[in-house]
Protein backbone atom coordinates (compact mmCIF):
# COMPACT_ATOMS: atom_id res chain seq x y z
CA MET A 1 0.00 0.00 0.00
CA GLN A 2 1.12 3.56 -0.53
CA ILE A 3 1.36 6.20 2.17
CA ARG A 4 1.82 9.89 1.37
CA PHE A 5 3.85 12.05 3.69
CA PHE A 6 4.30 15.78 3.23
CA ASP A 7 7.31 17.09 5.13
CA ALA A 8 7.24 20.50 6.81
CA ALA A 9 8.64 22.12 3.64
CA GLY A 10 5.68 20.73 1.67
CA THR A 11 7.62 18.09 -0.25
CA GLU A 12 5.56 14.99 -0.98
CA HIS A 13 7.04 11.57 -0.25
CA VAL A 14 5.01 8.61 -1.55
CA VAL A 15 6.29 5.43 0.06
CA ASP A 16 5.30 1.80 0.36
CA GLY A 17 3.93 0.70 3.70
CA ALA A 18 3.37 -2.83 4.94
CA ALA A 19 0.12 -3.98 6.51
CA GLY A 20 0.59 -4.34 10.25
CA GLU A 21 3.41 -1.82 10.65
CA ASN A 22 2.71 1.56 12.13
CA ALA A 23 2.98 4.78 10.14
CA MET A 24 5.98 5.94 12.20
CA THR A 25 7.96 2.82 11.34
CA CYS A 26 7.07 3.31 7.69
CA ALA A 27 8.19 6.96 7.87
CA THR A 28 11.48 6.26 9.62
CA ARG A 29 12.25 3.36 7.28
CA HIS A 30 11.87 5.79 4.36
CA LEU A 31 13.71 8.64 6.15
CA ILE A 32 10.78 11.06 6.10
CA PRO A 33 12.12 14.38 7.44
CA GLY A 34 10.58 15.35 10.78
CA ILE A 35 9.29 11.92 11.81
CA VAL A 36 11.94 10.83 14.30
CA GLY A 37 10.29 8.26 16.54
CA GLU A 38 12.86 8.54 19.32
CA CYS A 39 11.02 6.08 21.58
CA GLY A 40 10.61 3.51 18.82
CA GLY A 41 6.84 3.56 19.06
CA ALA A 42 6.58 3.01 22.81
CA LEU A 43 4.25 6.02 23.23
CA ALA A 44 6.87 7.71 25.39
CA CYS A 45 7.62 10.78 23.25
CA ALA A 46 5.86 12.79 20.58
CA THR A 47 8.58 12.94 17.93
CA CYS A 48 6.27 11.26 15.43
CA HIS A 49 3.48 13.86 15.58
CA GLY A 50 1.64 14.29 12.30
CA TYR A 51 -1.56 15.71 10.86
CA VAL A 52 -3.77 13.06 9.24
CA SER A 53 -5.62 14.39 6.21
CA ASP A 54 -9.26 13.79 5.40
CA PRO A 55 -10.92 11.45 4.71
CA TRP A 56 -8.73 9.20 6.89
CA ALA A 57 -8.74 11.42 9.98
CA ALA A 58 -12.46 10.77 10.39
CA THR A 59 -12.19 7.02 9.83
CA LEU A 60 -9.40 6.24 12.29
CA PRO A 61 -10.18 5.09 15.82
CA PRO A 62 -9.89 8.02 18.24
CA PRO A 63 -6.62 8.49 20.12
CA SER A 64 -6.28 6.61 23.39
CA ALA A 65 -6.12 8.59 26.62
CA HIS A 66 -2.35 8.03 26.73
CA GLU A 67 -1.90 9.24 23.14
CA SER A 68 -4.04 12.31 23.88
CA ALA A 69 -1.89 13.06 26.92
CA MET A 70 1.26 12.85 24.82
CA LEU A 71 -0.28 15.09 22.16
CA ASP A 72 -1.03 17.69 24.84
CA GLY A 73 2.72 18.29 25.01
CA CYS A 74 3.06 18.93 21.27
CA ILE A 75 3.30 22.30 19.58
CA ASP A 76 0.44 23.34 17.26
CA VAL A 77 -1.92 20.45 18.05
CA ARG A 78 -4.91 20.29 15.72
CA PRO A 79 -8.06 18.16 15.69
CA ASN A 80 -6.38 15.83 13.17
CA SER A 81 -3.13 15.51 15.18
CA ARG A 82 -1.99 11.95 15.80
CA LEU A 83 1.13 10.16 16.92
CA THR A 84 2.03 8.15 13.86
CA CYS A 85 3.32 5.30 16.03
CA GLN A 86 -0.30 4.69 17.01
CA LEU A 87 -1.57 4.32 13.43
CA THR A 88 -1.42 0.70 12.32
CA LEU A 89 -1.43 0.41 8.55
CA THR A 90 -4.13 -1.71 6.94
CA PRO A 91 -5.11 -2.15 3.28
CA SER A 92 -8.05 0.20 3.88
CA LEU A 93 -5.52 2.97 4.60
CA ASP A 94 -3.95 2.77 1.14
CA GLY A 95 -3.31 6.39 0.20
CA LEU A 96 -3.22 7.62 3.82
CA THR A 97 -1.83 11.15 3.84
CA ILE A 98 0.09 12.62 6.76
CA HIS A 99 1.55 16.12 7.01
CA VAL A 100 4.57 16.70 9.23
CA PRO A 101 4.11 19.76 11.48
CA GLN A 102 6.46 22.70 11.05
CA SER A 103 7.45 22.21 14.69
CA GLN A 104 8.98 18.83 13.83
CA THR A 105 11.79 20.40 11.77
């Protein structure tokens, strides 16, 4: 499946993602600028913050209480803010689009 990332400069990166991996792992594997994932997906940092574009933002399960708490510490949180380590890729997310916040540069 293909995942579209837009880095903070607006450059589009279309990459292949594997079902079952999380979007952060996909991003770091493809060296997407601004998605660092310092904690490796352990939900212990927010260095994988991204904005999920419509229509996917509305179709994803809501963030857990722990994810919401981590997002509270991010800069420029929006209603479509998510930690990409918490987004498990499935075939139904083919074409998922995530924008990297300017604060992640």
